[in-house]
C-alpha atoms as a PDB file:
ATOM      1  CA  UNK A   1       1.369   8.376 -10.875  1.00  0.00           C
ATOM      2  CA  UNK A   2       0.559  10.954 -13.502  1.00  0.00           C
ATOM      3  CA  UNK A   3       2.458  14.273 -13.480  1.00  0.00           C
ATOM      4  CA  UNK A   4       0.502  17.031 -11.780  1.00  0.00           C
ATOM      5  CA  UNK A   5      -1.966  14.686 -10.043  1.00  0.00           C
ATOM      6  CA  UNK A   6      -0.499  15.137  -6.598  1.00  0.00           C
ATOM      7  CA  UNK A   7      -2.471  17.394  -4.285  1.00  0.00           C
ATOM      8  CA  UNK A   8      -0.442  19.657  -2.077  1.00  0.00           C
ATOM      9  CA  UNK A   9       0.076  18.207   1.394  1.00  0.00           C
ATOM     10  CA  UNK A  10      -0.632  14.582   0.467  1.00  0.00           C
ATOM     11  CA  UNK A  11       1.974  11.822   0.254  1.00  0.00           C
ATOM     12  CA  UNK A  12       0.917  10.725  -3.220  1.00  0.00           C
ATOM     13  CA  UNK A  13      -0.792   7.535  -4.247  1.00  0.00           C
ATOM     14  CA  UNK A  14      -4.537   7.022  -4.607  1.00  0.00           C
ATOM     15  CA  UNK A  15      -5.563  10.105  -2.671  1.00  0.00           C
ATOM     16  CA  UNK A  16      -3.599  12.224  -5.156  1.00  0.00           C
ATOM     17  CA  UNK A  17      -5.186  10.809  -8.286  1.00  0.00           C
ATOM     18  CA  UNK A  18      -8.029  12.731  -9.927  1.00  0.00           C
ATOM     19  CA  UNK A  19     -10.842  10.224  -9.270  1.00  0.00           C
ATOM     20  CA  UNK A  20     -14.374  11.275 -10.096  1.00  0.00           C
ATOM     21  CA  UNK A  21     -16.009   8.902  -7.644  1.00  0.00           C
ATOM     22  CA  UNK A  22     -18.454  10.036  -5.018  1.00  0.00           C
ATOM     23  CA  UNK A  23     -19.421   8.113  -1.910  1.00  0.00           C
ATOM     24  CA  UNK A  24     -22.694  10.048  -1.858  1.00  0.00           C
ATOM     25  CA  UNK A  25     -23.898   9.016  -5.327  1.00  0.00           C
ATOM     26  CA  UNK A  26     -24.080   5.888  -7.443  1.00  0.00           C
ATOM     27  CA  UNK A  27     -20.356   5.237  -7.519  1.00  0.00           C
ATOM     28  CA  UNK A  28     -18.506   3.265  -4.893  1.00  0.00           C
ATOM     29  CA  UNK A  29     -14.742   2.943  -4.825  1.00  0.00           C
ATOM     30  CA  UNK A  30     -13.665  -0.469  -3.559  1.00  0.00           C
ATOM     31  CA  UNK A  31     -10.029  -1.477  -3.559  1.00  0.00           C
ATOM     32  CA  UNK A  32      -8.485  -4.908  -3.158  1.00  0.00           C
ATOM     33  CA  UNK A  33      -4.723  -4.636  -3.049  1.00  0.00           C
ATOM     34  CA  UNK A  34      -1.524  -6.500  -2.336  1.00  0.00           C
ATOM     35  CA  UNK A  35      -0.656  -6.947   1.323  1.00  0.00           C
ATOM     36  CA  UNK A  36      -0.169  -3.554   3.032  1.00  0.00           C
ATOM     37  CA  UNK A  37       3.175  -2.047   1.972  1.00  0.00           C
ATOM     38  CA  UNK A  38       4.438  -0.978   5.401  1.00  0.00           C
ATOM     39  CA  UNK A  39       8.212  -1.550   5.376  1.00  0.00           C
ATOM     40  CA  UNK A  40      10.891   0.069   3.207  1.00  0.00           C
ATOM     41  CA  UNK A  41      12.684  -1.967   0.549  1.00  0.00           C
ATOM     42  CA  UNK A  42      16.444  -2.077   0.917  1.00  0.00           C
ATOM     43  CA  UNK A  43      16.895  -4.342  -2.101  1.00  0.00           C
ATOM     44  CA  UNK A  44      16.544  -2.048  -5.085  1.00  0.00           C
ATOM     45  CA  UNK A  45      13.161  -0.284  -4.885  1.00  0.00           C
ATOM     46  CA  UNK A  46      13.253   3.320  -3.699  1.00  0.00           C
ATOM     47  CA  UNK A  47      10.361   3.479  -1.240  1.00  0.00           C
ATOM     48  CA  UNK A  48      11.465   6.015   1.310  1.00  0.00           C
ATOM     49  CA  UNK A  49      11.354   5.508   5.044  1.00  0.00           C
ATOM     50  CA  UNK A  50       8.899   3.585   7.210  1.00  0.00           C
ATOM     51  CA  UNK A  51       7.328   6.853   8.312  1.00  0.00           C
ATOM     52  CA  UNK A  52       6.582   7.778   4.682  1.00  0.00           C
ATOM     53  CA  UNK A  53       4.661   4.575   3.919  1.00  0.00           C
ATOM     54  CA  UNK A  54       0.888   4.857   4.239  1.00  0.00           C
ATOM     55  CA  UNK A  55       0.335   1.375   5.694  1.00  0.00           C
ATOM     56  CA  UNK A  56       2.994   1.687   8.391  1.00  0.00           C
ATOM     57  CA  UNK A  57       1.356   2.297  11.739  1.00  0.00           C
ATOM     58  CA  UNK A  58      -2.151   2.808  10.345  1.00  0.00           C
ATOM     59  CA  UNK A  59      -5.177   0.562  10.637  1.00  0.00           C
ATOM     60  CA  UNK A  60      -7.140  -0.680   7.648  1.00  0.00           C
ATOM     61  CA  UNK A  61      -9.917   1.780   8.505  1.00  0.00           C
ATOM     62  CA  UNK A  62      -7.491   4.720   8.757  1.00  0.00           C
ATOM     63  CA  UNK A  63      -6.037   3.882   5.340  1.00  0.00           C
ATOM     64  CA  UNK A  64      -9.524   3.464   3.823  1.00  0.00           C
ATOM     65  CA  UNK A  65     -10.576   6.865   5.124  1.00  0.00           C
ATOM     66  CA  UNK A  66      -7.304   8.499   4.027  1.00  0.00           C
ATOM     67  CA  UNK A  67      -7.607   7.328   0.398  1.00  0.00           C
ATOM     68  CA  UNK A  68     -11.342   7.976   0.293  1.00  0.00           C
ATOM     69  CA  UNK A  69     -12.399   4.423  -0.588  1.00  0.00           C
ATOM     70  CA  UNK A  70     -15.772   3.024   0.380  1.00  0.00           C
ATOM     71  CA  UNK A  71     -14.138  -0.331   1.126  1.00  0.00           C
ATOM     72  CA  UNK A  72     -10.585  -1.626   1.286  1.00  0.00           C
ATOM     73  CA  UNK A  73      -9.257  -5.151   1.578  1.00  0.00           C
ATOM     74  CA  UNK A  74      -5.760  -6.562   1.338  1.00  0.00           C
ATOM     75  CA  UNK A  75      -4.495  -9.897   0.099  1.00  0.00           C
ATOM     76  CA  UNK A  76      -2.652 -11.913   2.712  1.00  0.00           C
ATOM     77  CA  UNK A  77       1.019 -12.734   2.133  1.00  0.00           C
ATOM     78  CA  UNK A  78      -0.079 -16.370   1.762  1.00  0.00           C
ATOM     79  CA  UNK A  79      -2.532 -15.410  -1.000  1.00  0.00           C
ATOM     80  CA  UNK A  80       0.252 -13.479  -2.735  1.00  0.00           C
ATOM     81  CA  UNK A  81       2.414 -16.619  -2.725  1.00  0.00           C
ATOM     82  CA  UNK A  82      -0.467 -18.663  -4.109  1.00  0.00           C
ATOM     83  CA  UNK A  83      -1.245 -16.106  -6.827  1.00  0.00           C
ATOM     84  CA  UNK A  84       2.393 -15.913  -7.899  1.00  0.00           C
ATOM     85  CA  UNK A  85       2.836 -19.698  -8.014  1.00  0.00           C
ATOM     86  CA  UNK A  86       6.332 -19.243  -6.560  1.00  0.00           C
ATOM     87  CA  UNK A  87       7.927 -20.867  -3.551  1.00  0.00           C
ATOM     88  CA  UNK A  88      10.231 -17.952  -2.708  1.00  0.00           C
ATOM     89  CA  UNK A  89       9.346 -14.272  -2.647  1.00  0.00           C
ATOM     90  CA  UNK A  90      10.826 -11.385  -0.724  1.00  0.00           C
ATOM     91  CA  UNK A  91       7.925 -10.123   1.388  1.00  0.00           C
ATOM     92  CA  UNK A  92       9.924  -7.773   3.610  1.00  0.00           C
ATOM     93  CA  UNK A  93       7.967  -4.733   2.404  1.00  0.00           C
ATOM     94  CA  UNK A  94       4.757  -6.429   3.604  1.00  0.00           C
ATOM     95  CA  UNK A  95       5.799  -8.135   6.838  1.00  0.00           C
ATOM     96  CA  UNK A  96       9.138  -6.593   7.879  1.00  0.00           C
ATOM     97  CA  UNK A  97      10.921  -9.959   7.693  1.00  0.00           C
ATOM     98  CA  UNK A  98      14.016  -9.110   5.678  1.00  0.00           C
ATOM     99  CA  UNK A  99      15.994 -11.985   4.113  1.00  0.00           C
ATOM    100  CA  UNK A 100      19.271 -10.661   5.545  1.00  0.00           C
ATOM    101  CA  UNK A 101      20.236  -9.609   9.056  1.00  0.00           C
ATOM    102  CA  UNK A 102      21.534  -6.276   7.825  1.00  0.00           C
ATOM    103  CA  UNK A 103      18.120  -4.595   7.967  1.00  0.00           C
ATOM    104  CA  UNK A 104      16.361  -6.373  10.800  1.00  0.00           C
ATOM    105  CA  UNK A 105      14.677  -3.942  13.171  1.00  0.00           C
END
């Protein structure tokens, strides 16, 4: 995220970026993203707590409205595997299934 783009009172991310799109004019903001990032990473990526993650506990429609997109779709975890051409990926941040018992909830 660029320095100074964060609006006061927002958690950061797309809603904080200075987009010039308008849902009332010619522009439409459609986002297709990785699976929803709803679980914290305990394996080296500083993501904060579950409560701080936008996708945790929110519906697709709530997230779409929050970020101001006209449409929002997510890849499935299966599609992520297929796109990566790998047989093993840690997907705990997407599905909450951690590879170790230490962080099971």
